[in-house]
Amino acid sequence: MPRIFFVHAALFLVACLYASNYVLAKFATPQYVMPFGLVLIRAGGASLLFWFFHSLTIREKIKHRRDYLRFMYCGLFGVTINQLFFFKGISLTSPINASIIITSTPIVVLLASSLLLKERITWLKIVGIALGMGGAVGVIMLSSKSATVSGNPWGDFFVFVNALSYGFYLVLVKPLMKEYKALTVVKWVFTFGFVGIIPFGVGELMSTSWEVIPLYVYWIVLYIIVGVTFGVYLLNAWALSHVNATVVSVYIYLQPILTSMIAVAFRQDELRFEKVLFAMLIFLGVYLVNKKTKTVQAKILT
């Protein structure tokens, strides 16, 4: 089976994991764990996992000292700023508002890739991103009609900063994926990112009342560490070694429809004809962004 199939399967799994994060994070923060405290737990736990599995599977050293600076930048944008602003934002605003704002990430990636990596912006990518955003926002607006939680201007702003930082991370980390294994990259990215989170999260973590936290919240936190952090970043990094950052980012548009499907499975929502149409727009957008010439496809598969 072609390698590119597994790349897209990994990105689809990432979208599934992220789709669940919007809902699950609200169960843990801010009621039981303050947002920065949760980020510290998340980044610290994921860092330990990356170091542990790297020590068991890969013997790879950093080739150039300047690469440590690149890892630091990626850690700043991909972990420190990204995680702090996301969890602070999601603790203030509604999941619907957050999921609308996060759809700006592929646009950030497309522009940053053009400016920093000199990647060519094609009309197919522009049309694909537009269709994907239209479908994603359509699904979210349908869900918002039954929502009872309103947004918060500061929360919305924090989520937007999160989207910007994650977009820049996807572009900045791409060159490193050409030099090192995916596990090596995310290990160092999270190491630097975790260090940056410590000053913000240690106070909130120390003030957490662990004795009143229900058991299910501990399971949610474990899922966030292992699935939504360790699994997502590793899969994304591996995918970036085979496709460009725009392709990786456009899978964000699948998150609203996947969230809706999860809700239907748990009988918290119903499948409507409009959602099916919006889902088709999203999949068409993903297809157009991924559509390449035969020459480029051959290069990816080798």
Protein backbone atom coordinates (compact mmCIF):
# COMPACT_ATOMS: atom_id res chain seq x y z
CA MET A 1 0.00 0.00 0.00
CA PRO A 2 1.42 3.46 -0.93
CA ARG A 3 3.06 5.43 1.86
CA ILE A 4 0.92 8.46 1.09
CA PHE A 5 -2.16 6.48 2.18
CA PHE A 6 -0.70 6.06 5.68
CA VAL A 7 0.21 9.76 5.76
CA HIS A 8 -3.41 10.77 5.19
CA ALA A 9 -4.65 8.08 7.57
CA ALA A 10 -2.38 9.58 10.26
CA LEU A 11 -3.69 13.09 9.56
CA PHE A 12 -7.27 11.84 9.74
CA LEU A 13 -6.53 10.24 13.12
CA VAL A 14 -5.03 13.55 14.29
CA ALA A 15 -8.25 15.32 13.30
CA CYS A 16 -10.27 12.75 15.27
CA LEU A 17 -8.13 13.25 18.38
CA TYR A 18 -8.33 17.02 18.14
CA ALA A 19 -12.09 16.89 17.59
CA SER A 20 -12.55 15.26 20.99
CA ASN A 21 -10.24 17.74 22.71
CA TYR A 22 -12.63 20.70 22.44
CA VAL A 23 -15.24 18.91 24.53
CA LEU A 24 -13.01 16.97 26.94
CA ALA A 25 -10.85 19.95 27.89
CA LYS A 26 -13.94 21.77 29.17
CA PHE A 27 -14.55 18.94 31.69
CA ALA A 28 -11.12 19.49 33.26
CA THR A 29 -10.53 23.23 33.04
CA PRO A 30 -11.17 25.61 34.72
CA GLN A 31 -13.46 23.75 37.17
CA TYR A 32 -10.85 21.32 38.51
CA VAL A 33 -7.48 22.36 37.04
CA MET A 34 -6.66 25.91 35.99
CA PRO A 35 -5.69 26.19 32.30
CA PHE A 36 -1.97 26.96 32.72
CA GLY A 37 -1.67 24.19 35.30
CA LEU A 38 -3.25 21.73 32.87
CA VAL A 39 -0.88 22.87 30.11
CA LEU A 40 2.09 22.24 32.41
CA ILE A 41 0.85 18.71 33.15
CA ARG A 42 0.20 18.09 29.46
CA ALA A 43 3.56 19.35 28.21
CA GLY A 44 5.52 17.74 31.05
CA GLY A 45 3.85 14.36 30.62
CA ALA A 46 4.27 14.40 26.84
CA SER A 47 7.93 15.43 27.16
CA LEU A 48 8.63 12.43 29.41
CA LEU A 49 6.96 10.12 26.88
CA PHE A 50 8.94 11.56 23.99
CA TRP A 51 12.25 11.19 25.85
CA PHE A 52 11.40 7.66 27.01
CA PHE A 53 10.44 6.30 23.57
CA HIS A 54 13.29 8.17 21.88
CA SER A 55 15.80 6.52 24.21
CA LEU A 56 14.38 3.09 23.35
CA THR A 57 14.08 3.41 19.59
CA ILE A 58 16.39 6.08 18.11
CA ARG A 59 20.07 6.94 18.45
CA GLU A 60 20.25 10.28 16.70
CA LYS A 61 22.36 13.29 17.63
CA ILE A 62 21.80 16.92 16.71
CA LYS A 63 24.04 17.74 13.75
CA HIS A 64 24.46 21.50 14.15
CA ARG A 65 24.32 23.84 17.13
CA ARG A 66 22.12 26.23 15.20
CA ASP A 67 19.45 23.51 15.08
CA TYR A 68 18.94 23.91 18.84
CA LEU A 69 17.85 27.47 18.16
CA ARG A 70 15.38 26.18 15.56
CA PHE A 71 14.03 23.67 18.07
CA MET A 72 13.64 26.50 20.56
CA TYR A 73 11.61 28.58 18.08
CA CYS A 74 9.41 25.58 17.29
CA GLY A 75 8.94 24.90 20.99
CA LEU A 76 7.96 28.53 21.55
CA PHE A 77 5.33 28.62 18.79
CA GLY A 78 4.27 24.96 18.75
CA VAL A 79 4.05 24.31 22.49
CA THR A 80 4.48 27.32 24.81
CA ILE A 81 2.37 29.97 23.05
CA ASN A 82 0.12 27.42 21.33
CA GLN A 83 -0.84 25.48 24.45
CA LEU A 84 -1.02 28.37 26.92
CA PHE A 85 -3.30 30.46 24.72
CA PHE A 86 -5.48 27.51 23.64
CA PHE A 87 -6.33 26.30 27.13
CA LYS A 88 -6.72 29.81 28.49
CA GLY A 89 -9.00 30.63 25.57
CA ILE A 90 -11.07 27.45 25.80
CA SER A 91 -11.57 28.07 29.52
CA LEU A 92 -13.16 31.45 28.73
CA THR A 93 -15.04 30.95 25.46
CA SER A 94 -17.28 28.25 24.00
CA PRO A 95 -16.02 25.23 22.00
CA ILE A 96 -18.06 26.48 19.03
CA ASN A 97 -16.32 29.87 18.98
CA ALA A 98 -12.95 28.18 19.39
CA SER A 99 -13.55 25.76 16.53
CA ILE A 100 -14.61 28.62 14.23
CA ILE A 101 -11.51 30.65 14.97
CA ILE A 102 -9.15 27.68 14.63
CA THR A 103 -10.14 27.34 10.97
CA SER A 104 -7.89 30.33 10.26
CA THR A 105 -4.82 28.09 10.76
CA PRO A 106 -4.60 26.76 7.17
CA ILE A 107 -4.64 30.34 5.85
CA VAL A 108 -1.80 31.27 8.19
CA VAL A 109 0.14 28.19 7.06
CA LEU A 110 -0.42 28.95 3.38
CA LEU A 111 0.84 32.53 3.74
CA ALA A 112 3.74 31.62 6.05
CA SER A 113 4.82 28.78 3.73
CA SER A 114 4.91 31.23 0.84
CA LEU A 115 6.91 33.85 2.78
CA LEU A 116 9.30 31.61 4.75
CA LEU A 117 9.64 28.48 2.62
CA LYS A 118 8.95 30.08 -0.76
CA GLU A 119 6.25 27.51 -1.53
CA ARG A 120 4.07 28.40 -4.50
CA ILE A 121 0.44 29.29 -3.75
CA THR A 122 -1.73 27.58 -6.36
CA TRP A 123 -5.34 28.32 -7.24
CA LEU A 124 -6.28 24.76 -6.29
CA LYS A 125 -4.97 25.33 -2.75
CA ILE A 126 -6.79 28.65 -2.45
CA VAL A 127 -10.08 27.15 -3.67
CA GLY A 128 -9.59 24.06 -1.48
CA ILE A 129 -8.98 26.14 1.65
CA ALA A 130 -11.99 28.34 0.86
CA LEU A 131 -14.28 25.32 0.40
CA GLY A 132 -12.94 23.65 3.52
CA MET A 133 -13.44 26.79 5.61
CA GLY A 134 -16.95 27.23 4.21
CA GLY A 135 -17.90 23.68 5.10
CA ALA A 136 -16.32 23.87 8.56
CA VAL A 137 -17.98 27.16 9.47
CA GLY A 138 -21.30 25.81 8.13
CA VAL A 139 -21.16 22.77 10.41
CA ILE A 140 -20.23 24.94 13.38
CA MET A 141 -23.01 27.47 12.73
CA LEU A 142 -25.57 24.65 12.60
CA SER A 143 -24.34 23.46 15.98
CA SER A 144 -24.36 26.99 17.40
CA LYS A 145 -28.14 27.22 16.99
CA SER A 146 -28.59 24.80 19.89
CA ALA A 147 -25.65 26.06 21.95
CA THR A 148 -26.27 27.67 25.32
CA VAL A 149 -22.71 28.77 26.13
CA SER A 150 -21.72 32.17 24.78
CA GLY A 151 -18.28 33.27 23.76
CA ASN A 152 -15.92 35.69 25.42
CA PRO A 153 -13.93 38.35 23.50
CA TRP A 154 -10.69 37.65 25.36
CA GLY A 155 -11.20 33.92 25.06
CA ASP A 156 -11.78 34.27 21.31
CA PHE A 157 -8.63 36.41 21.00
CA PHE A 158 -6.54 33.85 22.90
CA VAL A 159 -7.74 31.05 20.61
CA PHE A 160 -6.85 33.19 17.58
CA VAL A 161 -3.30 33.65 18.93
CA ASN A 162 -3.21 29.88 19.38
CA ALA A 163 -4.18 29.40 15.72
CA LEU A 164 -1.48 31.86 14.56
CA SER A 165 1.26 30.23 16.64
CA TYR A 166 0.35 26.70 15.54
CA GLY A 167 0.32 27.80 11.91
CA PHE A 168 3.83 29.23 12.23
CA TYR A 169 4.98 26.09 14.05
CA LEU A 170 3.87 23.84 11.18
CA VAL A 171 5.93 25.94 8.78
CA LEU A 172 9.00 26.38 11.02
CA VAL A 173 9.26 22.68 11.87
CA LYS A 174 9.12 21.52 8.24
CA PRO A 175 12.88 22.06 7.50
CA LEU A 176 13.82 20.14 10.66
CA MET A 177 11.80 17.15 9.43
CA LYS A 178 14.17 16.90 6.47
CA GLU A 179 17.16 16.58 8.81
CA TYR A 180 15.91 14.40 11.68
CA LYS A 181 13.47 11.65 12.61
CA ALA A 182 10.02 12.77 13.71
CA LEU A 183 10.52 11.52 17.28
CA THR A 184 13.81 13.42 17.59
CA VAL A 185 12.15 16.64 16.45
CA VAL A 186 9.14 16.50 18.77
CA LYS A 187 11.32 15.45 21.70
CA TRP A 188 13.37 18.64 21.49
CA VAL A 189 10.40 20.82 20.54
CA PHE A 190 8.57 19.74 23.68
CA THR A 191 11.64 20.03 25.85
CA PHE A 192 12.05 23.71 24.99
CA GLY A 193 8.28 24.27 24.98
CA PHE A 194 7.89 22.73 28.43
CA VAL A 195 10.62 24.96 29.89
CA GLY A 196 8.76 28.00 28.57
CA ILE A 197 5.51 26.90 30.22
CA ILE A 198 6.95 26.35 33.72
CA PRO A 199 6.87 30.02 34.87
CA PHE A 200 3.19 30.33 33.86
CA GLY A 201 1.87 26.96 35.03
CA VAL A 202 3.67 26.11 38.26
CA GLY A 203 1.60 28.49 40.41
CA GLU A 204 -1.75 27.20 39.13
CA LEU A 205 -0.58 23.60 39.43
CA MET A 206 0.45 24.09 43.06
CA SER A 207 -2.96 25.60 43.90
CA THR A 208 -4.91 22.63 42.46
CA SER A 209 -7.09 20.75 44.98
CA TRP A 210 -6.31 17.20 43.89
CA GLU A 211 -8.52 15.59 46.54
CA VAL A 212 -11.75 16.95 45.03
CA ILE A 213 -11.01 15.97 41.42
CA PRO A 214 -13.25 13.08 40.21
CA LEU A 215 -11.63 9.96 38.79
CA TYR A 216 -12.99 10.59 35.29
CA VAL A 217 -11.12 13.92 35.13
CA TYR A 218 -7.84 12.09 35.77
CA TRP A 219 -8.65 9.80 32.82
CA ILE A 220 -9.41 12.84 30.67
CA VAL A 221 -6.06 14.42 31.59
CA LEU A 222 -4.30 11.14 30.77
CA TYR A 223 -6.05 11.02 27.41
CA ILE A 224 -5.02 14.62 26.69
CA ILE A 225 -1.38 13.79 27.48
CA VAL A 226 -1.12 10.48 25.60
CA GLY A 227 -3.59 10.95 22.74
CA VAL A 228 -4.12 14.63 22.05
CA THR A 229 -0.49 15.61 22.77
CA PHE A 230 1.98 12.73 22.41
CA GLY A 231 0.06 11.01 19.60
CA VAL A 232 -1.00 14.15 17.72
CA TYR A 233 2.40 15.86 17.67
CA LEU A 234 4.23 12.67 16.72
CA LEU A 235 1.81 11.87 13.89
CA ASN A 236 1.84 15.45 12.63
CA ALA A 237 5.64 15.57 12.67
CA TRP A 238 5.84 12.28 10.76
CA ALA A 239 3.30 13.50 8.20
CA LEU A 240 5.29 16.71 7.71
CA SER A 241 8.25 14.63 6.58
CA HIS A 242 6.16 13.48 3.59
CA VAL A 243 3.79 16.36 2.71
CA ASN A 244 3.89 20.14 3.05
CA ALA A 245 2.50 22.14 5.97
CA THR A 246 -0.58 23.30 4.04
CA VAL A 247 -1.74 19.71 3.55
CA VAL A 248 -1.30 18.99 7.26
CA SER A 249 -3.13 22.14 8.33
CA VAL A 250 -6.14 21.69 6.04
CA TYR A 251 -7.19 18.60 7.99
CA ILE A 252 -8.25 21.03 10.71
CA TYR A 253 -11.41 21.54 8.64
CA LEU A 254 -12.43 17.95 9.40
CA GLN A 255 -12.61 18.62 13.14
CA PRO A 256 -16.11 20.20 13.24
CA ILE A 257 -17.72 17.40 11.23
CA LEU A 258 -15.91 14.75 13.28
CA THR A 259 -17.04 16.44 16.48
CA SER A 260 -20.59 16.37 15.15
CA MET A 261 -20.27 12.65 14.30
CA ILE A 262 -19.03 11.91 17.83
CA ALA A 263 -22.02 13.78 19.22
CA VAL A 264 -24.39 11.78 16.98
CA ALA A 265 -22.81 8.52 18.16
CA PHE A 266 -23.50 9.49 21.77
CA ARG A 267 -27.00 10.72 20.86
CA GLN A 268 -26.16 14.30 21.73
CA ASP A 269 -26.84 15.51 18.22
CA GLU A 270 -28.68 14.42 15.08
CA LEU A 271 -27.46 13.87 11.54
CA ARG A 272 -28.95 16.50 9.25
CA PHE A 273 -28.91 16.87 5.49
CA GLU A 274 -27.16 20.24 5.75
CA LYS A 275 -24.30 18.69 7.71
CA VAL A 276 -23.83 16.05 5.03
CA LEU A 277 -23.54 18.80 2.39
CA PHE A 278 -21.05 20.77 4.49
CA ALA A 279 -19.06 17.59 5.08
CA MET A 280 -18.87 17.05 1.32
CA LEU A 281 -17.51 20.61 0.94
CA ILE A 282 -14.83 19.87 3.54
CA PHE A 283 -13.74 16.64 1.87
CA LEU A 284 -13.68 18.35 -1.54
CA GLY A 285 -11.52 21.12 -0.08
CA VAL A 286 -9.10 18.58 1.42
CA TYR A 287 -8.93 16.80 -1.95
CA LEU A 288 -8.12 20.00 -3.86
CA VAL A 289 -5.39 21.05 -1.42
CA ASN A 290 -3.86 17.57 -1.73
CA LYS A 291 -4.15 17.41 -5.53
CA LYS A 292 -0.70 17.49 -7.09
CA THR A 293 0.92 17.03 -10.43
CA LYS A 294 2.23 13.59 -11.35
CA THR A 295 5.81 14.80 -10.90
CA VAL A 296 5.22 15.97 -7.32
CA GLN A 297 3.29 12.83 -6.43
CA ALA A 298 6.11 10.64 -7.65
CA LYS A 299 8.54 12.66 -5.53
CA ILE A 300 6.43 12.16 -2.39
CA LEU A 301 6.07 8.41 -2.87
CA THR A 302 9.79 7.76 -3.30
